[in-house]
Amino acid sequence: MSGAHFPELIRALPEFSGPFDAYQLNARNCEVLFASYPAGTTIDPHAHPTENVGVITSGELILIVDGEETRYGPGDWYHAT
């Protein structure tokens, strides 16, 4: 898994068993993931059984929800319900 830029404490977490590489922090009532994506990565449309919040630390995330595109950059966070 790529993720050498994460601190050792993050890299020691269990690997996420989903459609992309991430480390998963066990939490109550939510998923806390630490993930990195190579430029140009796309993730097929999907739904989650939980609300999702993410913080962008570098690069850009283009998120399309209900046909509306929003762009997020470093320091931005998103909330998908």
C-alpha atoms as a PDB file:
ATOM      1  CA  MET A   1       0.000   0.000   0.000  1.00  0.00           C
ATOM      2  CA  SER A   2       1.238   3.492  -0.712  1.00  0.00           C
ATOM      3  CA  GLY A   3       1.204   5.677   2.335  1.00  0.00           C
ATOM      4  CA  ALA A   4       4.824   6.207   3.331  1.00  0.00           C
ATOM      5  CA  HIS A   5       3.997   9.892   3.891  1.00  0.00           C
ATOM      6  CA  PHE A   6       1.675   8.965   6.782  1.00  0.00           C
ATOM      7  CA  PRO A   7       3.183   8.900  10.275  1.00  0.00           C
ATOM      8  CA  GLU A   8       4.044   5.442  11.647  1.00  0.00           C
ATOM      9  CA  LEU A   9       1.084   5.658  14.042  1.00  0.00           C
ATOM     10  CA  ILE A  10      -1.279   5.824  11.031  1.00  0.00           C
ATOM     11  CA  ARG A  11       0.601   3.139   9.063  1.00  0.00           C
ATOM     12  CA  ALA A  12       0.232   0.807  12.058  1.00  0.00           C
ATOM     13  CA  LEU A  13      -3.577   0.890  11.766  1.00  0.00           C
ATOM     14  CA  PRO A  14      -5.418  -1.989  10.039  1.00  0.00           C
ATOM     15  CA  GLU A  15      -5.717  -1.726   6.271  1.00  0.00           C
ATOM     16  CA  PHE A  16      -9.169  -0.792   4.978  1.00  0.00           C
ATOM     17  CA  SER A  17     -10.903  -3.675   3.200  1.00  0.00           C
ATOM     18  CA  GLY A  18     -12.597  -1.565   0.543  1.00  0.00           C
ATOM     19  CA  PRO A  19     -12.194  -0.528  -3.079  1.00  0.00           C
ATOM     20  CA  PHE A  20      -9.136   1.672  -2.428  1.00  0.00           C
ATOM     21  CA  ASP A  21      -6.013   1.706  -0.253  1.00  0.00           C
ATOM     22  CA  ALA A  22      -6.495   3.264   3.167  1.00  0.00           C
ATOM     23  CA  TYR A  23      -5.789   2.737   6.834  1.00  0.00           C
ATOM     24  CA  GLN A  24      -8.830   2.420   9.107  1.00  0.00           C
ATOM     25  CA  LEU A  25      -9.148   3.747  12.629  1.00  0.00           C
ATOM     26  CA  ASN A  26     -11.753   1.864  14.625  1.00  0.00           C
ATOM     27  CA  ALA A  27     -14.414   4.303  15.784  1.00  0.00           C
ATOM     28  CA  ARG A  28     -17.954   4.126  17.069  1.00  0.00           C
ATOM     29  CA  ASN A  29     -20.740   4.884  14.525  1.00  0.00           C
ATOM     30  CA  CYS A  30     -18.417   5.997  11.743  1.00  0.00           C
ATOM     31  CA  GLU A  31     -15.497   5.000   9.540  1.00  0.00           C
ATOM     32  CA  VAL A  32     -12.291   6.968   9.946  1.00  0.00           C
ATOM     33  CA  LEU A  33     -10.007   6.379   6.981  1.00  0.00           C
ATOM     34  CA  PHE A  34      -6.597   7.762   6.050  1.00  0.00           C
ATOM     35  CA  ALA A  35      -6.222   7.443   2.291  1.00  0.00           C
ATOM     36  CA  SER A  36      -4.137   8.769  -0.587  1.00  0.00           C
ATOM     37  CA  TYR A  37      -5.048   8.608  -4.241  1.00  0.00           C
ATOM     38  CA  PRO A  38      -2.760   9.031  -7.251  1.00  0.00           C
ATOM     39  CA  ALA A  39      -3.669  11.948  -9.508  1.00  0.00           C
ATOM     40  CA  GLY A  40      -6.469  11.023 -11.884  1.00  0.00           C
ATOM     41  CA  THR A  41      -8.012   8.390  -9.607  1.00  0.00           C
ATOM     42  CA  THR A  42     -11.743   7.915 -10.088  1.00  0.00           C
ATOM     43  CA  ILE A  43     -14.114   6.017  -7.828  1.00  0.00           C
ATOM     44  CA  ASP A  44     -17.323   4.622  -9.281  1.00  0.00           C
ATOM     45  CA  PRO A  45     -20.606   6.110  -8.023  1.00  0.00           C
ATOM     46  CA  HIS A  46     -21.615   4.446  -4.786  1.00  0.00           C
ATOM     47  CA  ALA A  47     -23.489   4.964  -1.512  1.00  0.00           C
ATOM     48  CA  HIS A  48     -22.508   4.621   2.131  1.00  0.00           C
ATOM     49  CA  PRO A  49     -24.555   3.370   5.075  1.00  0.00           C
ATOM     50  CA  THR A  50     -23.036   6.193   7.169  1.00  0.00           C
ATOM     51  CA  GLU A  51     -22.430   9.903   6.753  1.00  0.00           C
ATOM     52  CA  ASN A  52     -18.925  10.649   5.462  1.00  0.00           C
ATOM     53  CA  VAL A  53     -16.647  13.550   6.278  1.00  0.00           C
ATOM     54  CA  GLY A  54     -13.257  14.065   4.684  1.00  0.00           C
ATOM     55  CA  VAL A  55     -10.408  16.545   4.984  1.00  0.00           C
ATOM     56  CA  ILE A  56      -8.197  17.236   1.980  1.00  0.00           C
ATOM     57  CA  THR A  57      -4.525  17.544   2.909  1.00  0.00           C
ATOM     58  CA  SER A  58      -3.031  17.899  -0.583  1.00  0.00           C
ATOM     59  CA  GLY A  59      -4.187  17.856  -4.181  1.00  0.00           C
ATOM     60  CA  GLU A  60      -7.830  18.215  -5.152  1.00  0.00           C
ATOM     61  CA  LEU A  61     -10.994  16.172  -4.725  1.00  0.00           C
ATOM     62  CA  ILE A  62     -13.810  16.548  -7.225  1.00  0.00           C
ATOM     63  CA  LEU A  63     -16.967  15.196  -5.618  1.00  0.00           C
ATOM     64  CA  ILE A  64     -20.205  14.793  -7.568  1.00  0.00           C
ATOM     65  CA  VAL A  65     -23.360  14.354  -5.481  1.00  0.00           C
ATOM     66  CA  ASP A  66     -26.801  14.304  -7.104  1.00  0.00           C
ATOM     67  CA  GLY A  67     -25.243  15.646 -10.311  1.00  0.00           C
ATOM     68  CA  GLU A  68     -23.659  18.677  -8.593  1.00  0.00           C
ATOM     69  CA  GLU A  69     -19.856  18.954  -8.816  1.00  0.00           C
ATOM     70  CA  THR A  70     -17.855  20.529  -5.995  1.00  0.00           C
ATOM     71  CA  ARG A  71     -14.075  20.881  -5.854  1.00  0.00           C
ATOM     72  CA  TYR A  72     -12.114  20.645  -2.608  1.00  0.00           C
ATOM     73  CA  GLY A  73      -8.470  21.536  -2.023  1.00  0.00           C
ATOM     74  CA  PRO A  74      -5.985  21.472   0.857  1.00  0.00           C
ATOM     75  CA  GLY A  75      -7.616  22.555   4.100  1.00  0.00           C
ATOM     76  CA  ASP A  76     -11.159  22.007   2.785  1.00  0.00           C
ATOM     77  CA  TRP A  77     -13.484  19.400   4.233  1.00  0.00           C
ATOM     78  CA  TYR A  78     -16.583  17.735   2.847  1.00  0.00           C
ATOM     79  CA  HIS A  79     -19.637  16.123   4.406  1.00  0.00           C
ATOM     80  CA  ALA A  80     -21.581  13.574   2.335  1.00  0.00           C
ATOM     81  CA  THR A  81     -24.871  12.280   3.715  1.00  0.00           C
END
